[in-house]
Amino acid sequence: MEWHRDRRLQRRMVLALALTVVSWAGLLGPVFWVLGLELGLVVAGVVLLFVLVLAREADRLAYLITKAIAISHNDYPKLFETTARLARQADVARPAVAVIPTDDPNALSAGIGDRTVICVTLGLLKTLDDEELEAVLAHEFAHLKNGDSAVLTTANFPATVAVTLVNGGIRNLGSRALLLGYAGAAIYLVLLGIPLLVVSLPGTLVLSRYREYAADRGAVAITGNPTALSLALGKIHCADPKPETDLRRVAGLNAFCIVPPRGRLLVPWTHPPTHRRMRRLRHLAAELEGTAPPDDGS
């Protein structure tokens, strides 16, 4: 299977761009309404600059949030050699490789240009065999080749703000909030976040979910092994839930993970359902083998 530009992704990107404009309008519109044009432009400029910095510093943020540890060839020779080979196959600069010290199996990539990193957890290295690990790494290389880190950071920012507001308000509601007198502020956060979530979520769903499908296809284009990626996704998804302290290692970069971590107040709105991804990969395997697609009830 040859690597080629995903035309469906490009069309979906046009729709996602329109929805992203709507979500950003939902985020910045109230700022202009409350502060006026001049001060609103200042605040909007600061927000946009902040997002640009986030996109540029995504690799460093990945290290900071996940506590990932950069590795060398001597630390994990096979992992290091596999990423070097996949970089040549995908025709991208070899990214830094880091290991996240958590037993929750997952992987993510972040960064742009010559500043990129692929992070895998210790749990992933323990859970997958060599072919499955290669397929997961290829998925992350597809994200890097498509420039998904910067795109998703920018497009998902309004929805991330909305989820943060809603989650923050919910966490602060309760008897303690009533005693301290800030229940009203917590309710205000929820009421502010819900409308923003309504207008920003469609763009996130359209863009983020389809880019996961595109990265799955990109991984197959690199490795030619859709079955290995399907098996890997199943193992990651079905792994026993880890304690909340373990999940937080990757939860901060939920949108960048190959499978969204499961945990309290974590909503997998950035990814399509894993079983649908696996089903597509099984059909793709049948297509490559020239056999009839599996009858999986779809």
C-alpha atoms as a PDB file:
ATOM      1  CA  MET A   1       0.000   0.000   0.000  1.00  0.00           C
ATOM      2  CA  GLU A   2       1.577   3.267  -1.153  1.00  0.00           C
ATOM      3  CA  TRP A   3       1.594   6.456   0.901  1.00  0.00           C
ATOM      4  CA  HIS A   4      -0.621   9.104  -0.688  1.00  0.00           C
ATOM      5  CA  ARG A   5      -2.472  12.204   0.366  1.00  0.00           C
ATOM      6  CA  ASP A   6      -5.868  11.411   1.820  1.00  0.00           C
ATOM      7  CA  ARG A   7      -8.377  13.277  -0.368  1.00  0.00           C
ATOM      8  CA  ARG A   8     -11.230  12.537   1.999  1.00  0.00           C
ATOM      9  CA  LEU A   9      -9.158  14.008   4.790  1.00  0.00           C
ATOM     10  CA  GLN A  10      -8.593  17.162   2.743  1.00  0.00           C
ATOM     11  CA  ARG A  11     -12.332  17.559   2.127  1.00  0.00           C
ATOM     12  CA  ARG A  12     -13.036  16.870   5.764  1.00  0.00           C
ATOM     13  CA  MET A  13     -10.428  19.483   6.659  1.00  0.00           C
ATOM     14  CA  VAL A  14     -12.370  22.137   4.751  1.00  0.00           C
ATOM     15  CA  LEU A  15     -15.499  21.332   6.755  1.00  0.00           C
ATOM     16  CA  ALA A  16     -13.464  21.166   9.961  1.00  0.00           C
ATOM     17  CA  LEU A  17     -11.930  24.561   9.179  1.00  0.00           C
ATOM     18  CA  ALA A  18     -15.383  26.119   8.929  1.00  0.00           C
ATOM     19  CA  LEU A  19     -16.461  24.476  12.184  1.00  0.00           C
ATOM     20  CA  THR A  20     -13.202  25.528  13.840  1.00  0.00           C
ATOM     21  CA  VAL A  21     -13.894  29.150  12.889  1.00  0.00           C
ATOM     22  CA  VAL A  22     -17.291  28.782  14.549  1.00  0.00           C
ATOM     23  CA  SER A  23     -15.724  27.329  17.706  1.00  0.00           C
ATOM     24  CA  TRP A  24     -13.151  30.121  17.898  1.00  0.00           C
ATOM     25  CA  ALA A  25     -15.953  32.643  17.405  1.00  0.00           C
ATOM     26  CA  GLY A  26     -17.723  30.992  20.334  1.00  0.00           C
ATOM     27  CA  LEU A  27     -14.569  31.356  22.427  1.00  0.00           C
ATOM     28  CA  LEU A  28     -13.598  34.924  21.489  1.00  0.00           C
ATOM     29  CA  GLY A  29     -17.039  36.381  20.710  1.00  0.00           C
ATOM     30  CA  PRO A  30     -17.989  36.893  24.380  1.00  0.00           C
ATOM     31  CA  VAL A  31     -14.578  38.520  24.960  1.00  0.00           C
ATOM     32  CA  PHE A  32     -15.339  41.227  22.380  1.00  0.00           C
ATOM     33  CA  TRP A  33     -18.901  41.589  23.675  1.00  0.00           C
ATOM     34  CA  VAL A  34     -17.762  42.148  27.255  1.00  0.00           C
ATOM     35  CA  LEU A  35     -14.512  44.085  26.698  1.00  0.00           C
ATOM     36  CA  GLY A  36     -15.197  45.946  23.473  1.00  0.00           C
ATOM     37  CA  LEU A  37     -13.278  45.967  20.212  1.00  0.00           C
ATOM     38  CA  GLU A  38      -9.909  47.391  21.257  1.00  0.00           C
ATOM     39  CA  LEU A  39      -9.404  45.470  24.492  1.00  0.00           C
ATOM     40  CA  GLY A  40     -10.979  42.417  22.895  1.00  0.00           C
ATOM     41  CA  LEU A  41      -8.380  42.493  20.117  1.00  0.00           C
ATOM     42  CA  VAL A  42      -5.630  42.598  22.734  1.00  0.00           C
ATOM     43  CA  VAL A  43      -7.047  39.606  24.613  1.00  0.00           C
ATOM     44  CA  ALA A  44      -7.657  37.701  21.359  1.00  0.00           C
ATOM     45  CA  GLY A  45      -4.081  38.381  20.294  1.00  0.00           C
ATOM     46  CA  VAL A  46      -2.763  37.065  23.601  1.00  0.00           C
ATOM     47  CA  VAL A  47      -4.896  33.913  23.285  1.00  0.00           C
ATOM     48  CA  LEU A  48      -3.755  33.266  19.711  1.00  0.00           C
ATOM     49  CA  LEU A  49      -0.124  33.839  20.673  1.00  0.00           C
ATOM     50  CA  PHE A  50      -0.571  31.395  23.538  1.00  0.00           C
ATOM     51  CA  VAL A  51      -1.934  28.758  21.161  1.00  0.00           C
ATOM     52  CA  LEU A  52       0.944  29.310  18.731  1.00  0.00           C
ATOM     53  CA  VAL A  53       3.405  28.831  21.577  1.00  0.00           C
ATOM     54  CA  LEU A  54       1.594  25.646  22.606  1.00  0.00           C
ATOM     55  CA  ALA A  55       1.873  24.313  19.058  1.00  0.00           C
ATOM     56  CA  ARG A  56       5.558  25.233  18.779  1.00  0.00           C
ATOM     57  CA  GLU A  57       6.471  23.871  22.200  1.00  0.00           C
ATOM     58  CA  ALA A  58       4.356  20.708  21.936  1.00  0.00           C
ATOM     59  CA  ASP A  59       7.368  18.402  22.204  1.00  0.00           C
ATOM     60  CA  ARG A  60       8.581  20.044  25.416  1.00  0.00           C
ATOM     61  CA  LEU A  61       5.068  20.037  26.840  1.00  0.00           C
ATOM     62  CA  ALA A  62       4.849  16.315  26.133  1.00  0.00           C
ATOM     63  CA  TYR A  63       7.939  15.728  28.250  1.00  0.00           C
ATOM     64  CA  LEU A  64       6.667  18.030  31.000  1.00  0.00           C
ATOM     65  CA  ILE A  65       3.122  16.693  31.245  1.00  0.00           C
ATOM     66  CA  THR A  66       3.863  12.978  30.914  1.00  0.00           C
ATOM     67  CA  LYS A  67       7.202  12.972  32.787  1.00  0.00           C
ATOM     68  CA  ALA A  68       8.630  11.133  29.772  1.00  0.00           C
ATOM     69  CA  ILE A  69      12.307  10.227  29.791  1.00  0.00           C
ATOM     70  CA  ALA A  70      14.307  10.578  26.581  1.00  0.00           C
ATOM     71  CA  ILE A  71      16.124   7.382  25.630  1.00  0.00           C
ATOM     72  CA  SER A  72      19.215   6.535  23.644  1.00  0.00           C
ATOM     73  CA  HIS A  73      20.151   3.476  21.608  1.00  0.00           C
ATOM     74  CA  ASN A  74      21.820   1.898  24.625  1.00  0.00           C
ATOM     75  CA  ASP A  75      18.623   2.149  26.710  1.00  0.00           C
ATOM     76  CA  TYR A  76      16.185   0.429  24.307  1.00  0.00           C
ATOM     77  CA  PRO A  77      18.123  -0.717  21.206  1.00  0.00           C
ATOM     78  CA  LYS A  78      15.197  -2.407  19.432  1.00  0.00           C
ATOM     79  CA  LEU A  79      12.791   0.504  20.039  1.00  0.00           C
ATOM     80  CA  PHE A  80      15.408   3.013  18.905  1.00  0.00           C
ATOM     81  CA  GLU A  81      16.269   1.041  15.757  1.00  0.00           C
ATOM     82  CA  THR A  82      12.597   0.520  14.874  1.00  0.00           C
ATOM     83  CA  THR A  83      11.842   4.247  15.043  1.00  0.00           C
ATOM     84  CA  ALA A  84      14.907   5.031  12.918  1.00  0.00           C
ATOM     85  CA  ARG A  85      13.793   2.540  10.260  1.00  0.00           C
ATOM     86  CA  LEU A  86      10.192   3.788  10.276  1.00  0.00           C
ATOM     87  CA  ALA A  87      11.397   7.368   9.918  1.00  0.00           C
ATOM     88  CA  ARG A  88      13.172   6.377   6.709  1.00  0.00           C
ATOM     89  CA  GLN A  89      10.105   4.514   5.436  1.00  0.00           C
ATOM     90  CA  ALA A  90       7.799   7.459   6.232  1.00  0.00           C
ATOM     91  CA  ASP A  91      10.341   9.936   4.808  1.00  0.00           C
ATOM     92  CA  VAL A  92      10.355  12.171   7.881  1.00  0.00           C
ATOM     93  CA  ALA A  93      13.114  13.358  10.177  1.00  0.00           C
ATOM     94  CA  ARG A  94      13.789  10.883  12.968  1.00  0.00           C
ATOM     95  CA  PRO A  95      11.999  12.132  16.072  1.00  0.00           C
ATOM     96  CA  ALA A  96      13.268  11.903  19.609  1.00  0.00           C
ATOM     97  CA  VAL A  97      12.026   8.818  21.445  1.00  0.00           C
ATOM     98  CA  ALA A  98      10.930   8.870  25.066  1.00  0.00           C
ATOM     99  CA  VAL A  99       9.464   6.435  27.556  1.00  0.00           C
ATOM    100  CA  ILE A 100       6.685   7.397  29.965  1.00  0.00           C
ATOM    101  CA  PRO A 101       7.037   5.659  33.350  1.00  0.00           C
ATOM    102  CA  THR A 102       3.507   4.309  33.646  1.00  0.00           C
ATOM    103  CA  ASP A 103       1.992   0.846  33.290  1.00  0.00           C
ATOM    104  CA  ASP A 104      -0.988   2.222  31.337  1.00  0.00           C
ATOM    105  CA  PRO A 105      -0.326   1.094  27.728  1.00  0.00           C
ATOM    106  CA  ASN A 106      -0.385   4.030  25.328  1.00  0.00           C
ATOM    107  CA  ALA A 107       1.630   6.060  22.845  1.00  0.00           C
ATOM    108  CA  LEU A 108       1.581   9.629  21.590  1.00  0.00           C
ATOM    109  CA  SER A 109       3.498  12.005  19.353  1.00  0.00           C
ATOM    110  CA  ALA A 110       3.925  15.759  19.495  1.00  0.00           C
ATOM    111  CA  GLY A 111       5.866  18.556  17.880  1.00  0.00           C
ATOM    112  CA  ILE A 112       6.445  20.106  14.483  1.00  0.00           C
ATOM    113  CA  GLY A 113       9.323  20.353  12.021  1.00  0.00           C
ATOM    114  CA  ASP A 114      12.607  19.147  13.434  1.00  0.00           C
ATOM    115  CA  ARG A 115      11.274  19.242  17.008  1.00  0.00           C
ATOM    116  CA  THR A 116       9.163  16.132  17.376  1.00  0.00           C
ATOM    117  CA  VAL A 117       8.951  13.310  19.869  1.00  0.00           C
ATOM    118  CA  ILE A 118       7.255   9.931  20.035  1.00  0.00           C
ATOM    119  CA  CYS A 119       6.471   8.765  23.565  1.00  0.00           C
ATOM    120  CA  VAL A 120       5.569   5.225  24.539  1.00  0.00           C
ATOM    121  CA  THR A 121       4.685   3.991  27.996  1.00  0.00           C
ATOM    122  CA  LEU A 122       6.374   1.162  29.810  1.00  0.00           C
ATOM    123  CA  GLY A 123       2.997  -0.557  29.814  1.00  0.00           C
ATOM    124  CA  LEU A 124       2.901  -0.470  26.020  1.00  0.00           C
ATOM    125  CA  LEU A 125       6.339  -2.069  25.754  1.00  0.00           C
ATOM    126  CA  LYS A 126       5.195  -4.846  28.090  1.00  0.00           C
ATOM    127  CA  THR A 127       1.818  -5.394  26.382  1.00  0.00           C
ATOM    128  CA  LEU A 128       2.592  -5.511  22.642  1.00  0.00           C
ATOM    129  CA  ASP A 129       4.712  -7.839  20.560  1.00  0.00           C
ATOM    130  CA  ASP A 130       7.243  -6.501  18.050  1.00  0.00           C
ATOM    131  CA  GLU A 131       4.881  -6.265  15.066  1.00  0.00           C
ATOM    132  CA  GLU A 132       2.150  -4.580  17.110  1.00  0.00           C
ATOM    133  CA  LEU A 133       4.612  -2.084  18.579  1.00  0.00           C
ATOM    134  CA  GLU A 134       5.909  -1.295  15.095  1.00  0.00           C
ATOM    135  CA  ALA A 135       2.336  -0.671  13.912  1.00  0.00           C
ATOM    136  CA  VAL A 136       1.657   1.711  16.810  1.00  0.00           C
ATOM    137  CA  LEU A 137       4.879   3.599  16.131  1.00  0.00           C
ATOM    138  CA  ALA A 138       3.932   3.824  12.451  1.00  0.00           C
ATOM    139  CA  HIS A 139       0.584   5.338  13.474  1.00  0.00           C
ATOM    140  CA  GLU A 140       2.467   8.043  15.373  1.00  0.00           C
ATOM    141  CA  PHE A 141       4.755   8.636  12.385  1.00  0.00           C
ATOM    142  CA  ALA A 142       1.658   9.159  10.243  1.00  0.00           C
ATOM    143  CA  HIS A 143       0.506  11.841  12.692  1.00  0.00           C
ATOM    144  CA  LEU A 144       3.903  13.539  12.438  1.00  0.00           C
ATOM    145  CA  LYS A 145       3.898  13.372   8.639  1.00  0.00           C
ATOM    146  CA  ASN A 146       0.397  14.891   8.525  1.00  0.00           C
ATOM    147  CA  GLY A 147       1.358  17.696  10.917  1.00  0.00           C
ATOM    148  CA  ASP A 148      -1.426  16.713  13.288  1.00  0.00           C
ATOM    149  CA  SER A 149       0.191  18.055  16.454  1.00  0.00           C
ATOM    150  CA  ALA A 150      -0.067  21.711  15.428  1.00  0.00           C
ATOM    151  CA  VAL A 151      -3.422  21.277  13.692  1.00  0.00           C
ATOM    152  CA  LEU A 152      -5.080  19.542  16.623  1.00  0.00           C
ATOM    153  CA  THR A 153      -3.613  21.952  19.163  1.00  0.00           C
ATOM    154  CA  THR A 154      -5.146  24.896  17.317  1.00  0.00           C
ATOM    155  CA  ALA A 155      -8.450  23.317  16.372  1.00  0.00           C
ATOM    156  CA  ASN A 156      -9.132  21.659  19.725  1.00  0.00           C
ATOM    157  CA  PHE A 157      -8.240  24.637  21.922  1.00  0.00           C
ATOM    158  CA  PRO A 158     -11.804  26.045  22.259  1.00  0.00           C
ATOM    159  CA  ALA A 159     -13.222  22.601  23.088  1.00  0.00           C
ATOM    160  CA  THR A 160     -10.391  22.028  25.573  1.00  0.00           C
ATOM    161  CA  VAL A 161     -11.222  25.315  27.301  1.00  0.00           C
ATOM    162  CA  ALA A 162     -14.897  24.331  27.402  1.00  0.00           C
ATOM    163  CA  VAL A 163     -14.174  20.906  28.913  1.00  0.00           C
ATOM    164  CA  THR A 164     -11.836  22.515  31.458  1.00  0.00           C
ATOM    165  CA  LEU A 165     -14.527  24.983  32.513  1.00  0.00           C
ATOM    166  CA  VAL A 166     -17.199  22.307  32.841  1.00  0.00           C
ATOM    167  CA  ASN A 167     -14.928  19.860  34.680  1.00  0.00           C
ATOM    168  CA  GLY A 168     -13.653  22.613  36.967  1.00  0.00           C
ATOM    169  CA  GLY A 169     -17.175  23.701  37.813  1.00  0.00           C
ATOM    170  CA  ILE A 170     -18.328  20.152  38.498  1.00  0.00           C
ATOM    171  CA  ARG A 171     -15.340  19.436  40.727  1.00  0.00           C
ATOM    172  CA  ASN A 172     -16.033  22.531  42.803  1.00  0.00           C
ATOM    173  CA  LEU A 173     -19.722  21.825  43.304  1.00  0.00           C
ATOM    174  CA  GLY A 174     -20.717  20.171  46.574  1.00  0.00           C
ATOM    175  CA  SER A 175     -21.128  20.774  50.254  1.00  0.00           C
ATOM    176  CA  ARG A 176     -17.627  22.235  50.621  1.00  0.00           C
ATOM    177  CA  ALA A 177     -18.411  24.789  47.923  1.00  0.00           C
ATOM    178  CA  LEU A 178     -21.611  25.785  49.702  1.00  0.00           C
ATOM    179  CA  LEU A 179     -19.750  26.221  53.000  1.00  0.00           C
ATOM    180  CA  LEU A 180     -17.045  28.358  51.411  1.00  0.00           C
ATOM    181  CA  GLY A 181     -19.532  30.382  49.408  1.00  0.00           C
ATOM    182  CA  TYR A 182     -18.213  29.777  45.913  1.00  0.00           C
ATOM    183  CA  ALA A 183     -20.893  27.410  44.606  1.00  0.00           C
ATOM    184  CA  GLY A 184     -22.192  30.266  42.468  1.00  0.00           C
ATOM    185  CA  ALA A 185     -18.814  30.612  40.774  1.00  0.00           C
ATOM    186  CA  ALA A 186     -18.719  26.869  40.096  1.00  0.00           C
ATOM    187  CA  ILE A 187     -22.184  26.987  38.529  1.00  0.00           C
ATOM    188  CA  TYR A 188     -21.097  29.971  36.443  1.00  0.00           C
ATOM    189  CA  LEU A 189     -18.134  27.980  35.075  1.00  0.00           C
ATOM    190  CA  VAL A 190     -20.443  25.153  34.047  1.00  0.00           C
ATOM    191  CA  LEU A 191     -22.958  27.527  32.421  1.00  0.00           C
ATOM    192  CA  LEU A 192     -20.140  29.267  30.590  1.00  0.00           C
ATOM    193  CA  GLY A 193     -18.508  26.051  29.439  1.00  0.00           C
ATOM    194  CA  ILE A 194     -21.567  24.189  28.149  1.00  0.00           C
ATOM    195  CA  PRO A 195     -22.498  26.639  25.330  1.00  0.00           C
ATOM    196  CA  LEU A 196     -18.844  26.831  24.272  1.00  0.00           C
ATOM    197  CA  LEU A 197     -18.687  23.025  24.238  1.00  0.00           C
ATOM    198  CA  VAL A 198     -21.813  22.878  22.080  1.00  0.00           C
ATOM    199  CA  VAL A 199     -20.350  25.157  19.404  1.00  0.00           C
ATOM    200  CA  SER A 200     -16.793  23.798  19.529  1.00  0.00           C
ATOM    201  CA  LEU A 201     -17.371  20.054  19.770  1.00  0.00           C
ATOM    202  CA  PRO A 202     -18.593  19.480  16.171  1.00  0.00           C
ATOM    203  CA  GLY A 203     -15.344  20.771  14.690  1.00  0.00           C
ATOM    204  CA  THR A 204     -13.321  18.641  17.081  1.00  0.00           C
ATOM    205  CA  LEU A 205     -15.341  15.530  16.253  1.00  0.00           C
ATOM    206  CA  VAL A 206     -15.032  16.059  12.509  1.00  0.00           C
ATOM    207  CA  LEU A 207     -11.317  16.805  12.489  1.00  0.00           C
ATOM    208  CA  SER A 208      -9.830  14.814  15.363  1.00  0.00           C
ATOM    209  CA  ARG A 209     -11.697  11.604  14.751  1.00  0.00           C
ATOM    210  CA  TYR A 210     -11.030  11.482  11.038  1.00  0.00           C
ATOM    211  CA  ARG A 211      -7.355  12.272  11.531  1.00  0.00           C
ATOM    212  CA  GLU A 212      -7.156   9.142  13.682  1.00  0.00           C
ATOM    213  CA  TYR A 213      -8.600   7.134  10.809  1.00  0.00           C
ATOM    214  CA  ALA A 214      -6.107   8.809   8.449  1.00  0.00           C
ATOM    215  CA  ALA A 215      -3.204   7.980  10.791  1.00  0.00           C
ATOM    216  CA  ASP A 216      -4.374   4.354  10.914  1.00  0.00           C
ATOM    217  CA  ARG A 217      -4.275   4.223   7.113  1.00  0.00           C
ATOM    218  CA  GLY A 218      -0.915   5.962   7.135  1.00  0.00           C
ATOM    219  CA  ALA A 219       0.438   3.320   9.489  1.00  0.00           C
ATOM    220  CA  VAL A 220      -0.703   0.609   7.078  1.00  0.00           C
ATOM    221  CA  ALA A 221       0.948   2.477   4.210  1.00  0.00           C
ATOM    222  CA  ILE A 222       4.222   2.381   6.150  1.00  0.00           C
ATOM    223  CA  THR A 223       4.111  -1.184   7.490  1.00  0.00           C
ATOM    224  CA  GLY A 224       1.661  -2.960   5.194  1.00  0.00           C
ATOM    225  CA  ASN A 225       0.279  -4.714   8.283  1.00  0.00           C
ATOM    226  CA  PRO A 226      -3.252  -3.587   9.253  1.00  0.00           C
ATOM    227  CA  THR A 227      -3.814  -6.719  11.338  1.00  0.00           C
ATOM    228  CA  ALA A 228      -0.973  -5.848  13.731  1.00  0.00           C
ATOM    229  CA  LEU A 229      -2.389  -2.361  14.327  1.00  0.00           C
ATOM    230  CA  SER A 230      -5.881  -3.762  14.874  1.00  0.00           C
ATOM    231  CA  LEU A 231      -4.580  -6.227  17.459  1.00  0.00           C
ATOM    232  CA  ALA A 232      -2.569  -3.482  19.159  1.00  0.00           C
ATOM    233  CA  LEU A 233      -5.591  -1.192  19.416  1.00  0.00           C
ATOM    234  CA  GLY A 234      -7.601  -4.019  20.948  1.00  0.00           C
ATOM    235  CA  LYS A 235      -4.939  -4.765  23.554  1.00  0.00           C
ATOM    236  CA  ILE A 236      -4.561  -1.099  24.508  1.00  0.00           C
ATOM    237  CA  HIS A 237      -8.298  -0.563  24.733  1.00  0.00           C
ATOM    238  CA  CYS A 238      -8.923  -3.679  26.803  1.00  0.00           C
ATOM    239  CA  ALA A 239      -6.060  -3.144  29.237  1.00  0.00           C
ATOM    240  CA  ASP A 240      -7.102  -3.132  32.892  1.00  0.00           C
ATOM    241  CA  PRO A 241      -7.880   0.416  34.080  1.00  0.00           C
ATOM    242  CA  LYS A 242      -5.000   1.856  36.087  1.00  0.00           C
ATOM    243  CA  PRO A 243      -5.229   4.092  39.162  1.00  0.00           C
ATOM    244  CA  GLU A 244      -6.113   7.725  38.520  1.00  0.00           C
ATOM    245  CA  THR A 245      -2.555   8.799  39.399  1.00  0.00           C
ATOM    246  CA  ASP A 246      -1.257   6.524  36.652  1.00  0.00           C
ATOM    247  CA  LEU A 247      -3.780   7.748  34.094  1.00  0.00           C
ATOM    248  CA  ARG A 248      -2.862  11.376  34.648  1.00  0.00           C
ATOM    249  CA  ARG A 249       0.565  10.724  33.087  1.00  0.00           C
ATOM    250  CA  VAL A 250      -1.071  10.662  29.643  1.00  0.00           C
ATOM    251  CA  ALA A 251      -4.490  12.225  30.302  1.00  0.00           C
ATOM    252  CA  GLY A 252      -3.105  15.732  29.879  1.00  0.00           C
ATOM    253  CA  LEU A 253      -2.398  14.898  26.223  1.00  0.00           C
ATOM    254  CA  ASN A 254      -5.550  12.875  25.630  1.00  0.00           C
ATOM    255  CA  ALA A 255      -6.000  14.121  22.062  1.00  0.00           C
ATOM    256  CA  PHE A 256      -2.481  12.986  21.114  1.00  0.00           C
ATOM    257  CA  CYS A 257      -2.759   9.421  22.450  1.00  0.00           C
ATOM    258  CA  ILE A 258      -3.345   6.518  20.082  1.00  0.00           C
ATOM    259  CA  VAL A 259      -6.266   5.416  22.287  1.00  0.00           C
ATOM    260  CA  PRO A 260      -7.789   7.871  24.791  1.00  0.00           C
ATOM    261  CA  PRO A 261      -7.007   6.971  28.400  1.00  0.00           C
ATOM    262  CA  ARG A 262      -9.999   6.029  30.501  1.00  0.00           C
ATOM    263  CA  GLY A 263     -10.634   7.679  33.814  1.00  0.00           C
ATOM    264  CA  ARG A 264     -12.778  10.007  35.868  1.00  0.00           C
ATOM    265  CA  LEU A 265     -14.096  12.995  33.898  1.00  0.00           C
ATOM    266  CA  LEU A 266     -12.135  11.981  30.817  1.00  0.00           C
ATOM    267  CA  VAL A 267     -14.313  11.969  27.709  1.00  0.00           C
ATOM    268  CA  PRO A 268     -12.919  10.252  24.570  1.00  0.00           C
ATOM    269  CA  TRP A 269     -14.413  12.896  22.252  1.00  0.00           C
ATOM    270  CA  THR A 270     -11.129  13.234  20.383  1.00  0.00           C
ATOM    271  CA  HIS A 271     -11.128   9.669  19.033  1.00  0.00           C
ATOM    272  CA  PRO A 272     -13.504   7.447  17.091  1.00  0.00           C
ATOM    273  CA  PRO A 273     -14.630   4.298  18.921  1.00  0.00           C
ATOM    274  CA  THR A 274     -11.807   1.783  18.969  1.00  0.00           C
ATOM    275  CA  HIS A 275     -13.999  -1.046  17.676  1.00  0.00           C
ATOM    276  CA  ARG A 276     -14.792   0.996  14.557  1.00  0.00           C
ATOM    277  CA  ARG A 277     -11.105   1.600  13.910  1.00  0.00           C
ATOM    278  CA  MET A 278     -10.419  -2.101  14.303  1.00  0.00           C
ATOM    279  CA  ARG A 279     -13.273  -2.945  11.944  1.00  0.00           C
ATOM    280  CA  ARG A 280     -11.883  -0.604   9.275  1.00  0.00           C
ATOM    281  CA  LEU A 281      -8.460  -2.170   9.647  1.00  0.00           C
ATOM    282  CA  ARG A 282      -9.896  -5.672   9.256  1.00  0.00           C
ATOM    283  CA  HIS A 283     -11.619  -4.588   6.045  1.00  0.00           C
ATOM    284  CA  LEU A 284      -8.405  -2.967   4.861  1.00  0.00           C
ATOM    285  CA  ALA A 285      -6.515  -6.204   5.561  1.00  0.00           C
ATOM    286  CA  ALA A 286      -9.053  -8.111   3.456  1.00  0.00           C
ATOM    287  CA  GLU A 287      -8.659  -5.543   0.677  1.00  0.00           C
ATOM    288  CA  LEU A 288      -4.882  -5.906   0.665  1.00  0.00           C
ATOM    289  CA  GLU A 289      -5.137  -9.702   0.670  1.00  0.00           C
ATOM    290  CA  GLY A 290      -7.774  -9.728  -2.067  1.00  0.00           C
ATOM    291  CA  THR A 291     -10.247 -11.650   0.077  1.00  0.00           C
ATOM    292  CA  ALA A 292     -13.851 -11.018   1.014  1.00  0.00           C
ATOM    293  CA  PRO A 293     -14.284  -8.507   3.873  1.00  0.00           C
ATOM    294  CA  PRO A 294     -15.103 -10.115   7.225  1.00  0.00           C
ATOM    295  CA  ASP A 295     -18.743 -10.431   8.228  1.00  0.00           C
ATOM    296  CA  ASP A 296     -18.551  -8.519  11.533  1.00  0.00           C
ATOM    297  CA  GLY A 297     -22.119  -7.356  11.686  1.00  0.00           C
ATOM    298  CA  SER A 298     -21.353  -3.856  10.407  1.00  0.00           C
END
